[in-house]
Amino acid sequence: MKKAALLLIFAGLFLSAPACPLGRAASWSGVDETVIEKFAEKAGRTAREPFINTDQGDLLLFVFLLAGMVGGFIGGYNFRVLFPPKRRTGEEKHV
């Protein structure tokens, strides 16, 4: 019962998140713009292009795909360690 209630709460949060207005989020600037760029400019360091630009094409999607595959392989390989089988006691014998 607790699992079902928790599942419904998370489902409600995920379904209601797209209903939030996106216009307000644009008025807030991020930490990079407000804090880090100020200190970087005071120190004489300007912004530069990243070594691997993940904003172009589907490179970021491909990186997440690879990370998911590696994590899934590790989780699958160690499945019995992560989720050990339940031990049967002498009273619960099924015939």
PDB file of N, CA and C in Angstrom:
ATOM      1  N   MET A   1       0.819  -1.188   0.000  1.00  0.00           N
ATOM      2  CA  MET A   1       0.000   0.000   0.000  1.00  0.00           C
ATOM      3  C   MET A   1       0.869   1.262   0.000  1.00  0.00           C
ATOM      4  N   LYS A   2       1.965   1.224   0.774  1.00  0.00           N
ATOM      5  CA  LYS A   2       2.850   2.383   0.830  1.00  0.00           C
ATOM      6  C   LYS A   2       3.543   2.596  -0.518  1.00  0.00           C
ATOM      7  N   LYS A   3       3.894   1.482  -1.174  1.00  0.00           N
ATOM      8  CA  LYS A   3       4.555   1.599  -2.472  1.00  0.00           C
ATOM      9  C   LYS A   3       3.619   2.202  -3.507  1.00  0.00           C
ATOM     10  N   ALA A   4       2.350   1.816  -3.460  1.00  0.00           N
ATOM     11  CA  ALA A   4       1.375   2.352  -4.412  1.00  0.00           C
ATOM     12  C   ALA A   4       1.164   3.842  -4.184  1.00  0.00           C
ATOM     13  N   ALA A   5       1.101   4.267  -2.922  1.00  0.00           N
ATOM     14  CA  ALA A   5       0.921   5.682  -2.624  1.00  0.00           C
ATOM     15  C   ALA A   5       2.143   6.483  -3.070  1.00  0.00           C
ATOM     16  N   LEU A   6       3.327   5.950  -2.828  1.00  0.00           N
ATOM     17  CA  LEU A   6       4.551   6.621  -3.246  1.00  0.00           C
ATOM     18  C   LEU A   6       4.620   6.719  -4.763  1.00  0.00           C
ATOM     19  N   LEU A   7       4.215   5.665  -5.440  1.00  0.00           N
ATOM     20  CA  LEU A   7       4.202   5.668  -6.899  1.00  0.00           C
ATOM     21  C   LEU A   7       3.223   6.707  -7.434  1.00  0.00           C
ATOM     22  N   LEU A   8       2.065   6.823  -6.820  1.00  0.00           N
ATOM     23  CA  LEU A   8       1.087   7.819  -7.251  1.00  0.00           C
ATOM     24  C   LEU A   8       1.587   9.241  -7.009  1.00  0.00           C
ATOM     25  N   ILE A   9       2.290   9.455  -5.914  1.00  0.00           N
ATOM     26  CA  ILE A   9       2.831  10.785  -5.635  1.00  0.00           C
ATOM     27  C   ILE A   9       3.864  11.164  -6.688  1.00  0.00           C
ATOM     28  N   PHE A  10       4.787  10.255  -6.986  1.00  0.00           N
ATOM     29  CA  PHE A  10       5.800  10.551  -7.992  1.00  0.00           C
ATOM     30  C   PHE A  10       5.195  10.720  -9.376  1.00  0.00           C
ATOM     31  N   ALA A  11       4.199   9.902  -9.716  1.00  0.00           N
ATOM     32  CA  ALA A  11       3.535  10.045 -11.006  1.00  0.00           C
ATOM     33  C   ALA A  11       2.834  11.392 -11.098  1.00  0.00           C
ATOM     34  N   GLY A  12       2.208  11.825 -10.012  1.00  0.00           N
ATOM     35  CA  GLY A  12       1.561  13.127 -10.004  1.00  0.00           C
ATOM     36  C   GLY A  12       2.546  14.265 -10.171  1.00  0.00           C
ATOM     37  N   LEU A  13       3.707  14.152  -9.537  1.00  0.00           N
ATOM     38  CA  LEU A  13       4.729  15.186  -9.678  1.00  0.00           C
ATOM     39  C   LEU A  13       5.264  15.246 -11.101  1.00  0.00           C
ATOM     40  N   PHE A  14       5.523  14.088 -11.692  1.00  0.00           N
ATOM     41  CA  PHE A  14       6.052  14.066 -13.049  1.00  0.00           C
ATOM     42  C   PHE A  14       5.030  14.549 -14.061  1.00  0.00           C
ATOM     43  N   LEU A  15       3.762  14.265 -13.836  1.00  0.00           N
ATOM     44  CA  LEU A  15       2.744  14.706 -14.779  1.00  0.00           C
ATOM     45  C   LEU A  15       2.398  16.179 -14.606  1.00  0.00           C
ATOM     46  N   SER A  16       2.563  16.724 -13.416  1.00  0.00           N
ATOM     47  CA  SER A  16       2.243  18.128 -13.189  1.00  0.00           C
ATOM     48  C   SER A  16       3.411  19.049 -13.520  1.00  0.00           C
ATOM     49  N   ALA A  17       4.613  18.526 -13.636  1.00  0.00           N
ATOM     50  CA  ALA A  17       5.778  19.367 -13.910  1.00  0.00           C
ATOM     51  C   ALA A  17       5.672  20.097 -15.243  1.00  0.00           C
ATOM     52  N   PRO A  18       5.199  19.480 -16.336  1.00  0.00           N
ATOM     53  CA  PRO A  18       5.089  20.228 -17.588  1.00  0.00           C
ATOM     54  C   PRO A  18       4.052  21.345 -17.533  1.00  0.00           C
ATOM     55  N   ALA A  19       3.142  21.327 -16.579  1.00  0.00           N
ATOM     56  CA  ALA A  19       2.125  22.359 -16.472  1.00  0.00           C
ATOM     57  C   ALA A  19       2.673  23.641 -15.858  1.00  0.00           C
ATOM     58  N   CYS A  20       3.871  23.607 -15.300  1.00  0.00           N
ATOM     59  CA  CYS A  20       4.466  24.791 -14.702  1.00  0.00           C
ATOM     60  C   CYS A  20       4.848  25.776 -15.806  1.00  0.00           C
ATOM     61  N   PRO A  21       4.631  27.072 -15.592  1.00  0.00           N
ATOM     62  CA  PRO A  21       4.973  28.046 -16.630  1.00  0.00           C
ATOM     63  C   PRO A  21       6.482  28.148 -16.797  1.00  0.00           C
ATOM     64  N   LEU A  22       6.914  28.163 -18.048  1.00  0.00           N
ATOM     65  CA  LEU A  22       8.339  28.229 -18.335  1.00  0.00           C
ATOM     66  C   LEU A  22       8.838  29.663 -18.432  1.00  0.00           C
ATOM     67  N   GLY A  23       7.953  30.635 -18.520  1.00  0.00           N
ATOM     68  CA  GLY A  23       8.348  32.030 -18.654  1.00  0.00           C
ATOM     69  C   GLY A  23       9.090  32.556 -17.442  1.00  0.00           C
ATOM     70  N   ARG A  24       8.732  32.104 -16.274  1.00  0.00           N
ATOM     71  CA  ARG A  24       9.394  32.581 -15.066  1.00  0.00           C
ATOM     72  C   ARG A  24      10.820  32.072 -14.961  1.00  0.00           C
ATOM     73  N   ALA A  25      11.079  30.888 -15.449  1.00  0.00           N
ATOM     74  CA  ALA A  25      12.419  30.309 -15.338  1.00  0.00           C
ATOM     75  C   ALA A  25      13.430  31.118 -16.138  1.00  0.00           C
ATOM     76  N   ALA A  26      12.997  31.783 -17.192  1.00  0.00           N
ATOM     77  CA  ALA A  26      13.914  32.534 -18.031  1.00  0.00           C
ATOM     78  C   ALA A  26      14.402  33.809 -17.346  1.00  0.00           C
ATOM     79  N   SER A  27      13.650  34.348 -16.387  1.00  0.00           N
ATOM     80  CA  SER A  27      14.050  35.589 -15.743  1.00  0.00           C
ATOM     81  C   SER A  27      15.164  35.377 -14.721  1.00  0.00           C
ATOM     82  N   TRP A  28      15.392  34.153 -14.277  1.00  0.00           N
ATOM     83  CA  TRP A  28      16.445  33.868 -13.310  1.00  0.00           C
ATOM     84  C   TRP A  28      17.716  33.504 -14.047  1.00  0.00           C
ATOM     85  N   SER A  29      18.806  34.128 -13.676  1.00  0.00           N
ATOM     86  CA  SER A  29      20.082  33.752 -14.285  1.00  0.00           C
ATOM     87  C   SER A  29      20.747  32.695 -13.418  1.00  0.00           C
ATOM     88  N   GLY A  30      21.555  31.880 -14.037  1.00  0.00           N
ATOM     89  CA  GLY A  30      22.188  30.774 -13.334  1.00  0.00           C
ATOM     90  C   GLY A  30      23.396  31.202 -12.524  1.00  0.00           C
ATOM     91  N   VAL A  31      23.939  30.271 -11.780  1.00  0.00           N
ATOM     92  CA  VAL A  31      25.109  30.534 -10.947  1.00  0.00           C
ATOM     93  C   VAL A  31      26.309  30.872 -11.823  1.00  0.00           C
ATOM     94  N   ASP A  32      26.406  30.225 -12.985  1.00  0.00           N
ATOM     95  CA  ASP A  32      27.530  30.517 -13.876  1.00  0.00           C
ATOM     96  C   ASP A  32      27.565  31.984 -14.280  1.00  0.00           C
ATOM     97  N   GLU A  33      26.396  32.534 -14.600  1.00  0.00           N
ATOM     98  CA  GLU A  33      26.346  33.918 -15.070  1.00  0.00           C
ATOM     99  C   GLU A  33      26.517  34.919 -13.934  1.00  0.00           C
ATOM    100  N   THR A  34      25.910  34.646 -12.800  1.00  0.00           N
ATOM    101  CA  THR A  34      25.911  35.651 -11.735  1.00  0.00           C
ATOM    102  C   THR A  34      27.161  35.624 -10.867  1.00  0.00           C
ATOM    103  N   VAL A  35      27.703  34.467 -10.595  1.00  0.00           N
ATOM    104  CA  VAL A  35      28.799  34.386  -9.634  1.00  0.00           C
ATOM    105  C   VAL A  35      30.127  34.065 -10.320  1.00  0.00           C
ATOM    106  N   ILE A  36      30.155  32.965 -11.031  1.00  0.00           N
ATOM    107  CA  ILE A  36      31.428  32.478 -11.558  1.00  0.00           C
ATOM    108  C   ILE A  36      31.998  33.407 -12.617  1.00  0.00           C
ATOM    109  N   GLU A  37      31.153  33.939 -13.500  1.00  0.00           N
ATOM    110  CA  GLU A  37      31.670  34.832 -14.537  1.00  0.00           C
ATOM    111  C   GLU A  37      32.219  36.128 -13.948  1.00  0.00           C
ATOM    112  N   LYS A  38      31.618  36.650 -12.876  1.00  0.00           N
ATOM    113  CA  LYS A  38      32.136  37.859 -12.227  1.00  0.00           C
ATOM    114  C   LYS A  38      33.548  37.636 -11.699  1.00  0.00           C
ATOM    115  N   PHE A  39      33.727  36.536 -10.965  1.00  0.00           N
ATOM    116  CA  PHE A  39      35.043  36.262 -10.397  1.00  0.00           C
ATOM    117  C   PHE A  39      36.067  35.932 -11.476  1.00  0.00           C
ATOM    118  N   ALA A  40      35.627  35.276 -12.549  1.00  0.00           N
ATOM    119  CA  ALA A  40      36.549  34.949 -13.636  1.00  0.00           C
ATOM    120  C   ALA A  40      37.005  36.216 -14.351  1.00  0.00           C
ATOM    121  N   GLU A  41      36.084  37.163 -14.567  1.00  0.00           N
ATOM    122  CA  GLU A  41      36.472  38.409 -15.225  1.00  0.00           C
ATOM    123  C   GLU A  41      37.396  39.234 -14.338  1.00  0.00           C
ATOM    124  N   LYS A  42      37.158  39.237 -13.026  1.00  0.00           N
ATOM    125  CA  LYS A  42      38.047  39.967 -12.110  1.00  0.00           C
ATOM    126  C   LYS A  42      39.443  39.363 -12.108  1.00  0.00           C
ATOM    127  N   ALA A  43      39.528  38.042 -12.302  1.00  0.00           N
ATOM    128  CA  ALA A  43      40.830  37.374 -12.315  1.00  0.00           C
ATOM    129  C   ALA A  43      41.495  37.440 -13.690  1.00  0.00           C
ATOM    130  N   GLY A  44      40.792  37.984 -14.687  1.00  0.00           N
ATOM    131  CA  GLY A  44      41.376  38.111 -16.016  1.00  0.00           C
ATOM    132  C   GLY A  44      41.179  36.889 -16.891  1.00  0.00           C
ATOM    133  N   ARG A  45      40.299  36.015 -16.521  1.00  0.00           N
ATOM    134  CA  ARG A  45      40.024  34.808 -17.314  1.00  0.00           C
ATOM    135  C   ARG A  45      38.704  34.986 -18.048  1.00  0.00           C
ATOM    136  N   THR A  46      38.710  34.801 -19.332  1.00  0.00           N
ATOM    137  CA  THR A  46      37.478  34.919 -20.106  1.00  0.00           C
ATOM    138  C   THR A  46      36.962  33.532 -20.469  1.00  0.00           C
ATOM    139  N   ALA A  47      35.723  33.479 -20.883  1.00  0.00           N
ATOM    140  CA  ALA A  47      35.122  32.198 -21.270  1.00  0.00           C
ATOM    141  C   ALA A  47      35.743  31.703 -22.572  1.00  0.00           C
ATOM    142  N   ARG A  48      35.869  30.406 -22.700  1.00  0.00           N
ATOM    143  CA  ARG A  48      36.402  29.788 -23.915  1.00  0.00           C
ATOM    144  C   ARG A  48      35.497  28.631 -24.318  1.00  0.00           C
ATOM    145  N   GLU A  49      35.690  28.153 -25.500  1.00  0.00           N
ATOM    146  CA  GLU A  49      34.915  27.008 -25.982  1.00  0.00           C
ATOM    147  C   GLU A  49      35.325  25.753 -25.219  1.00  0.00           C
ATOM    148  N   PRO A  50      34.391  24.869 -24.908  1.00  0.00           N
ATOM    149  CA  PRO A  50      34.748  23.631 -24.213  1.00  0.00           C
ATOM    150  C   PRO A  50      35.535  22.696 -25.132  1.00  0.00           C
ATOM    151  N   PHE A  51      36.291  21.788 -24.526  1.00  0.00           N
ATOM    152  CA  PHE A  51      37.058  20.827 -25.311  1.00  0.00           C
ATOM    153  C   PHE A  51      36.140  19.934 -26.135  1.00  0.00           C
ATOM    154  N   ILE A  52      35.084  19.438 -25.510  1.00  0.00           N
ATOM    155  CA  ILE A  52      34.102  18.608 -26.209  1.00  0.00           C
ATOM    156  C   ILE A  52      32.768  19.340 -26.116  1.00  0.00           C
ATOM    157  N   ASN A  53      32.315  19.892 -27.220  1.00  0.00           N
ATOM    158  CA  ASN A  53      31.080  20.661 -27.248  1.00  0.00           C
ATOM    159  C   ASN A  53      29.905  19.709 -27.414  1.00  0.00           C
ATOM    160  N   THR A  54      29.167  19.494 -26.330  1.00  0.00           N
ATOM    161  CA  THR A  54      28.039  18.560 -26.373  1.00  0.00           C
ATOM    162  C   THR A  54      26.755  19.219 -26.834  1.00  0.00           C
ATOM    163  N   ASP A  55      26.793  20.503 -27.171  1.00  0.00           N
ATOM    164  CA  ASP A  55      25.591  21.193 -27.627  1.00  0.00           C
ATOM    165  C   ASP A  55      25.296  20.955 -29.100  1.00  0.00           C
ATOM    166  N   GLN A  56      26.202  20.366 -29.816  1.00  0.00           N
ATOM    167  CA  GLN A  56      25.987  20.171 -31.243  1.00  0.00           C
ATOM    168  C   GLN A  56      25.479  18.757 -31.530  1.00  0.00           C
ATOM    169  N   GLY A  57      24.412  18.687 -32.289  1.00  0.00           N
ATOM    170  CA  GLY A  57      23.868  17.399 -32.706  1.00  0.00           C
ATOM    171  C   GLY A  57      23.362  16.570 -31.537  1.00  0.00           C
ATOM    172  N   ASP A  58      23.532  15.275 -31.650  1.00  0.00           N
ATOM    173  CA  ASP A  58      23.046  14.341 -30.638  1.00  0.00           C
ATOM    174  C   ASP A  58      24.181  13.777 -29.797  1.00  0.00           C
ATOM    175  N   LEU A  59      25.267  14.512 -29.663  1.00  0.00           N
ATOM    176  CA  LEU A  59      26.411  14.013 -28.906  1.00  0.00           C
ATOM    177  C   LEU A  59      26.076  13.806 -27.440  1.00  0.00           C
ATOM    178  N   LEU A  60      25.337  14.738 -26.845  1.00  0.00           N
ATOM    179  CA  LEU A  60      24.969  14.600 -25.439  1.00  0.00           C
ATOM    180  C   LEU A  60      24.052  13.399 -25.236  1.00  0.00           C
ATOM    181  N   LEU A  61      23.132  13.177 -26.157  1.00  0.00           N
ATOM    182  CA  LEU A  61      22.248  12.014 -26.098  1.00  0.00           C
ATOM    183  C   LEU A  61      23.061  10.724 -26.205  1.00  0.00           C
ATOM    184  N   PHE A  62      24.063  10.716 -27.067  1.00  0.00           N
ATOM    185  CA  PHE A  62      24.911   9.538 -27.222  1.00  0.00           C
ATOM    186  C   PHE A  62      25.726   9.277 -25.957  1.00  0.00           C
ATOM    187  N   VAL A  63      26.207  10.332 -25.303  1.00  0.00           N
ATOM    188  CA  VAL A  63      26.967  10.166 -24.060  1.00  0.00           C
ATOM    189  C   VAL A  63      26.077   9.561 -22.978  1.00  0.00           C
ATOM    190  N   PHE A  64      24.828  10.034 -22.863  1.00  0.00           N
ATOM    191  CA  PHE A  64      23.905   9.466 -21.889  1.00  0.00           C
ATOM    192  C   PHE A  64      23.557   8.022 -22.235  1.00  0.00           C
ATOM    193  N   LEU A  65      23.456   7.703 -23.519  1.00  0.00           N
ATOM    194  CA  LEU A  65      23.204   6.325 -23.933  1.00  0.00           C
ATOM    195  C   LEU A  65      24.348   5.416 -23.503  1.00  0.00           C
ATOM    196  N   LEU A  66      25.570   5.845 -23.724  1.00  0.00           N
ATOM    197  CA  LEU A  66      26.724   5.039 -23.312  1.00  0.00           C
ATOM    198  C   LEU A  66      26.774   4.865 -21.800  1.00  0.00           C
ATOM    199  N   ALA A  67      26.504   5.940 -21.056  1.00  0.00           N
ATOM    200  CA  ALA A  67      26.513   5.847 -19.601  1.00  0.00           C
ATOM    201  C   ALA A  67      25.421   4.903 -19.115  1.00  0.00           C
ATOM    202  N   GLY A  68      24.253   4.934 -19.743  1.00  0.00           N
ATOM    203  CA  GLY A  68      23.176   4.025 -19.374  1.00  0.00           C
ATOM    204  C   GLY A  68      23.512   2.583 -19.681  1.00  0.00           C
ATOM    205  N   MET A  69      24.186   2.354 -20.807  1.00  0.00           N
ATOM    206  CA  MET A  69      24.584   0.992 -21.162  1.00  0.00           C
ATOM    207  C   MET A  69      25.611   0.452 -20.177  1.00  0.00           C
ATOM    208  N   VAL A  70      26.580   1.263 -19.818  1.00  0.00           N
ATOM    209  CA  VAL A  70      27.609   0.829 -18.869  1.00  0.00           C
ATOM    210  C   VAL A  70      26.976   0.571 -17.499  1.00  0.00           C
ATOM    211  N   GLY A  71      26.113   1.488 -17.048  1.00  0.00           N
ATOM    212  CA  GLY A  71      25.446   1.298 -15.770  1.00  0.00           C
ATOM    213  C   GLY A  71      24.533   0.084 -15.776  1.00  0.00           C
ATOM    214  N   GLY A  72      23.821  -0.153 -16.884  1.00  0.00           N
ATOM    215  CA  GLY A  72      22.963  -1.328 -16.992  1.00  0.00           C
ATOM    216  C   GLY A  72      23.752  -2.615 -16.999  1.00  0.00           C
ATOM    217  N   PHE A  73      24.894  -2.621 -17.665  1.00  0.00           N
ATOM    218  CA  PHE A  73      25.734  -3.815 -17.677  1.00  0.00           C
ATOM    219  C   PHE A  73      26.257  -4.125 -16.277  1.00  0.00           C
ATOM    220  N   ILE A  74      26.731  -3.091 -15.588  1.00  0.00           N
ATOM    221  CA  ILE A  74      27.254  -3.300 -14.238  1.00  0.00           C
ATOM    222  C   ILE A  74      26.143  -3.750 -13.303  1.00  0.00           C
ATOM    223  N   GLY A  75      24.957  -3.124 -13.406  1.00  0.00           N
ATOM    224  CA  GLY A  75      23.827  -3.528 -12.570  1.00  0.00           C
ATOM    225  C   GLY A  75      23.366  -4.937 -12.872  1.00  0.00           C
ATOM    226  N   GLY A  76      23.346  -5.313 -14.158  1.00  0.00           N
ATOM    227  CA  GLY A  76      22.937  -6.663 -14.525  1.00  0.00           C
ATOM    228  C   GLY A  76      23.942  -7.713 -14.099  1.00  0.00           C
ATOM    229  N   TYR A  77      25.213  -7.371 -14.209  1.00  0.00           N
ATOM    230  CA  TYR A  77      26.257  -8.313 -13.823  1.00  0.00           C
ATOM    231  C   TYR A  77      26.218  -8.584 -12.320  1.00  0.00           C
ATOM    232  N   ASN A  78      25.896  -7.564 -11.552  1.00  0.00           N
ATOM    233  CA  ASN A  78      25.863  -7.688 -10.089  1.00  0.00           C
ATOM    234  C   ASN A  78      24.439  -7.782  -9.554  1.00  0.00           C
ATOM    235  N   PHE A  79      23.502  -8.283 -10.354  1.00  0.00           N
ATOM    236  CA  PHE A  79      22.099  -8.307  -9.970  1.00  0.00           C
ATOM    237  C   PHE A  79      21.876  -9.107  -8.692  1.00  0.00           C
ATOM    238  N   ARG A  80      22.470 -10.279  -8.583  1.00  0.00           N
ATOM    239  CA  ARG A  80      22.253 -11.128  -7.406  1.00  0.00           C
ATOM    240  C   ARG A  80      22.920 -10.550  -6.164  1.00  0.00           C
ATOM    241  N   VAL A  81      23.944  -9.740  -6.332  1.00  0.00           N
ATOM    242  CA  VAL A  81      24.557  -9.079  -5.185  1.00  0.00           C
ATOM    243  C   VAL A  81      23.672  -7.915  -4.730  1.00  0.00           C
ATOM    244  N   LEU A  82      23.118  -7.178  -5.702  1.00  0.00           N
ATOM    245  CA  LEU A  82      22.267  -6.038  -5.371  1.00  0.00           C
ATOM    246  C   LEU A  82      20.916  -6.468  -4.818  1.00  0.00           C
ATOM    247  N   PHE A  83      20.347  -7.519  -5.403  1.00  0.00           N
ATOM    248  CA  PHE A  83      19.031  -8.018  -4.994  1.00  0.00           C
ATOM    249  C   PHE A  83      19.138  -9.510  -4.697  1.00  0.00           C
ATOM    250  N   PRO A  84      19.587  -9.867  -3.488  1.00  0.00           N
ATOM    251  CA  PRO A  84      19.758 -11.288  -3.179  1.00  0.00           C
ATOM    252  C   PRO A  84      18.408 -12.005  -3.129  1.00  0.00           C
ATOM    253  N   PRO A  85      18.380 -13.281  -3.533  1.00  0.00           N
ATOM    254  CA  PRO A  85      17.116 -14.020  -3.485  1.00  0.00           C
ATOM    255  C   PRO A  85      16.688 -14.244  -2.042  1.00  0.00           C
ATOM    256  N   LYS A  86      15.374 -14.287  -1.823  1.00  0.00           N
ATOM    257  CA  LYS A  86      14.861 -14.515  -0.479  1.00  0.00           C
ATOM    258  C   LYS A  86      15.079 -15.966  -0.098  1.00  0.00           C
ATOM    259  N   ARG A  87      15.533 -16.161   1.108  1.00  0.00           N
ATOM    260  CA  ARG A  87      15.772 -17.522   1.584  1.00  0.00           C
ATOM    261  C   ARG A  87      14.491 -18.092   2.134  1.00  0.00           C
ATOM    262  N   ARG A  88      14.287 -19.347   1.863  1.00  0.00           N
ATOM    263  CA  ARG A  88      13.103 -20.027   2.377  1.00  0.00           C
ATOM    264  C   ARG A  88      13.426 -20.632   3.735  1.00  0.00           C
ATOM    265  N   THR A  89      12.493 -20.495   4.627  1.00  0.00           N
ATOM    266  CA  THR A  89      12.658 -21.135   5.929  1.00  0.00           C
ATOM    267  C   THR A  89      12.000 -22.499   5.871  1.00  0.00           C
ATOM    268  N   GLY A  90      12.220 -23.305   6.874  1.00  0.00           N
ATOM    269  CA  GLY A  90      11.663 -24.664   6.886  1.00  0.00           C
ATOM    270  C   GLY A  90      10.144 -24.682   6.933  1.00  0.00           C
ATOM    271  N   GLU A  91       9.524 -23.611   7.418  1.00  0.00           N
ATOM    272  CA  GLU A  91       8.079 -23.569   7.551  1.00  0.00           C
ATOM    273  C   GLU A  91       7.372 -23.259   6.246  1.00  0.00           C
ATOM    274  N   GLU A  92       8.064 -22.669   5.292  1.00  0.00           N
ATOM    275  CA  GLU A  92       7.431 -22.235   4.060  1.00  0.00           C
ATOM    276  C   GLU A  92       7.704 -23.191   2.906  1.00  0.00           C
ATOM    277  N   LYS A  93       7.666 -24.467   3.127  1.00  0.00           N
ATOM    278  CA  LYS A  93       7.952 -25.439   2.066  1.00  0.00           C
ATOM    279  C   LYS A  93       6.767 -25.525   1.122  1.00  0.00           C
ATOM    280  N   HIS A  94       7.084 -25.360  -0.164  1.00  0.00           N
ATOM    281  CA  HIS A  94       6.049 -25.487  -1.186  1.00  0.00           C
ATOM    282  C   HIS A  94       6.264 -26.804  -1.920  1.00  0.00           C
ATOM    283  N   VAL A  95       5.200 -27.543  -2.078  1.00  0.00           N
ATOM    284  CA  VAL A  95       5.303 -28.844  -2.733  1.00  0.00           C
ATOM    285  C   VAL A  95       4.772 -28.779  -4.126  1.00  0.00           C
TER     286      VAL A  95
END
